[in-house]
Amino acid sequence: MTFTLGLQAESFSAAENRYAQSHLRILSGLYGLLRPLDLIQPYRLEMGTKLPNSAGKDLYAYWKPILAPALNEAIADSGSNVLVNLASNEYFKAVNTKQLNARVITPVFKDEKRHL
């Protein structure tokens, strides 16, 4: 069995790029909610980083009031009421899920291990 890992965005057609740009969002500890083609500077910052700010002691406190409304706008624009969450548990904790106007589906990915 062969699995392809990753999004392989470099192989997207123009139509697939437009679809991803309007339907896919990426959570960032530094930038918040991104679209696939948003330009950013390289950085290394985990969402769990302690960073005192006006909203609290860490990035969760900073992003929590911002992310759900931004996701709700993207959900409304998509015409769907389903959000497929592919974010890590660490990053999705920054979203106030009680404020989301969508049914959230979070797949559980497992590794198949072969015993020889």
Protein backbone atom coordinates (compact mmCIF):
# COMPACT_ATOMS: atom_id res chain seq x y z
CA MET A 1 0.00 0.00 0.00
CA THR A 2 1.43 3.41 -0.98
CA PHE A 3 0.35 6.66 0.61
CA THR A 4 1.14 10.13 -0.62
CA LEU A 5 1.98 12.52 2.18
CA GLY A 6 1.29 16.22 2.16
CA LEU A 7 -0.93 18.51 0.16
CA GLN A 8 1.24 18.58 -2.99
CA ALA A 9 0.02 22.09 -3.78
CA GLU A 10 2.65 22.45 -6.49
CA SER A 11 0.60 20.04 -8.62
CA PHE A 12 -2.68 22.02 -8.29
CA SER A 13 -4.38 23.32 -11.40
CA ALA A 14 -5.50 26.96 -11.48
CA ALA A 15 -9.03 25.87 -10.53
CA GLU A 16 -7.73 23.80 -7.61
CA ASN A 17 -5.66 26.78 -6.41
CA ARG A 18 -8.76 29.01 -6.50
CA TYR A 19 -10.77 26.39 -4.58
CA ALA A 20 -8.06 25.97 -1.94
CA GLN A 21 -7.71 29.74 -1.59
CA SER A 22 -11.43 30.10 -0.91
CA HIS A 23 -11.94 26.97 1.26
CA LEU A 24 -8.69 26.15 3.07
CA ARG A 25 -7.43 28.01 6.13
CA ILE A 26 -4.20 27.50 8.04
CA LEU A 27 -3.74 28.40 11.72
CA SER A 28 -0.54 30.24 12.53
CA GLY A 29 0.74 31.23 15.95
CA LEU A 30 2.23 34.42 14.47
CA TYR A 31 -0.22 35.37 11.71
CA GLY A 32 -3.52 33.90 12.89
CA LEU A 33 -5.74 32.60 10.10
CA LEU A 34 -4.05 32.28 6.70
CA ARG A 35 -5.14 31.36 3.19
CA PRO A 36 -2.83 29.04 1.23
CA LEU A 37 -1.37 31.77 -0.98
CA ASP A 38 -0.83 34.37 1.74
CA LEU A 39 2.78 35.51 1.84
CA ILE A 40 4.54 35.21 5.18
CA GLN A 41 8.07 35.40 6.49
CA PRO A 42 9.64 32.15 7.72
CA TYR A 43 9.40 31.79 11.48
CA ARG A 44 9.39 29.24 14.26
CA LEU A 45 6.78 29.88 16.93
CA GLU A 46 4.55 27.33 18.59
CA MET A 47 1.00 28.23 19.60
CA GLY A 48 1.78 27.13 23.16
CA THR A 49 4.61 29.64 23.53
CA LYS A 50 4.28 31.75 26.67
CA LEU A 51 4.05 35.31 25.39
CA PRO A 52 2.48 37.85 27.71
CA ASN A 53 0.18 40.21 25.80
CA SER A 54 -2.79 42.49 26.38
CA ALA A 55 -5.19 39.51 26.19
CA GLY A 56 -3.33 37.20 28.57
CA LYS A 57 -0.23 35.13 29.16
CA ASP A 58 0.13 33.28 25.87
CA LEU A 59 -0.81 33.06 22.20
CA TYR A 60 -3.99 31.11 23.01
CA ALA A 61 -5.30 34.11 24.95
CA TYR A 62 -4.36 36.44 22.11
CA TRP A 63 -5.94 34.41 19.25
CA LYS A 64 -8.98 32.87 21.00
CA PRO A 65 -11.31 35.91 20.54
CA ILE A 66 -10.12 36.44 16.95
CA LEU A 67 -10.06 33.00 15.30
CA ALA A 68 -13.68 31.82 15.68
CA PRO A 69 -15.17 34.98 14.11
CA ALA A 70 -12.65 34.77 11.25
CA LEU A 71 -13.46 31.09 10.72
CA ASN A 72 -17.19 31.85 10.83
CA GLU A 73 -16.71 34.38 8.04
CA ALA A 74 -14.81 31.81 5.95
CA ILE A 75 -17.47 29.19 6.69
CA ALA A 76 -20.25 31.56 5.61
CA ASP A 77 -18.35 32.45 2.43
CA SER A 78 -17.90 28.75 1.61
CA GLY A 79 -21.64 28.07 1.67
CA SER A 80 -21.13 25.06 3.94
CA ASN A 81 -21.87 24.49 7.59
CA VAL A 82 -19.09 21.93 8.07
CA LEU A 83 -15.54 22.62 9.19
CA VAL A 84 -13.05 19.80 8.71
CA ASN A 85 -10.37 20.38 11.32
CA LEU A 86 -6.96 19.10 10.25
CA ALA A 87 -5.05 21.26 12.73
CA SER A 88 -3.05 19.76 15.55
CA ASN A 89 -4.68 19.62 18.96
CA GLU A 90 -2.20 22.29 20.09
CA TYR A 91 -3.32 24.75 17.43
CA PHE A 92 -7.04 23.99 17.48
CA LYS A 93 -7.16 24.76 21.22
CA ALA A 94 -6.76 28.42 20.14
CA VAL A 95 -10.22 28.29 18.51
CA ASN A 96 -13.29 28.91 20.65
CA THR A 97 -15.31 26.05 19.19
CA LYS A 98 -18.48 27.10 21.05
CA GLN A 99 -18.57 30.20 18.86
CA LEU A 100 -18.29 28.33 15.57
CA ASN A 101 -21.33 28.33 13.28
CA ALA A 102 -20.47 24.93 11.86
CA ARG A 103 -20.34 21.26 12.62
CA VAL A 104 -16.69 20.43 13.31
CA ILE A 105 -15.31 17.15 12.04
CA THR A 106 -11.88 16.19 13.36
CA PRO A 107 -10.45 13.07 11.72
CA VAL A 108 -8.17 10.84 13.75
CA PHE A 109 -5.08 9.80 11.82
CA LYS A 110 -3.37 6.58 12.77
CA ASP A 111 -0.19 4.89 11.63
CA GLU A 112 -0.25 1.35 10.37
CA LYS A 113 2.74 -0.55 11.64
CA ARG A 114 3.95 -3.76 10.12
CA HIS A 115 5.41 -6.37 12.38
CA LEU A 116 8.03 -8.51 10.71
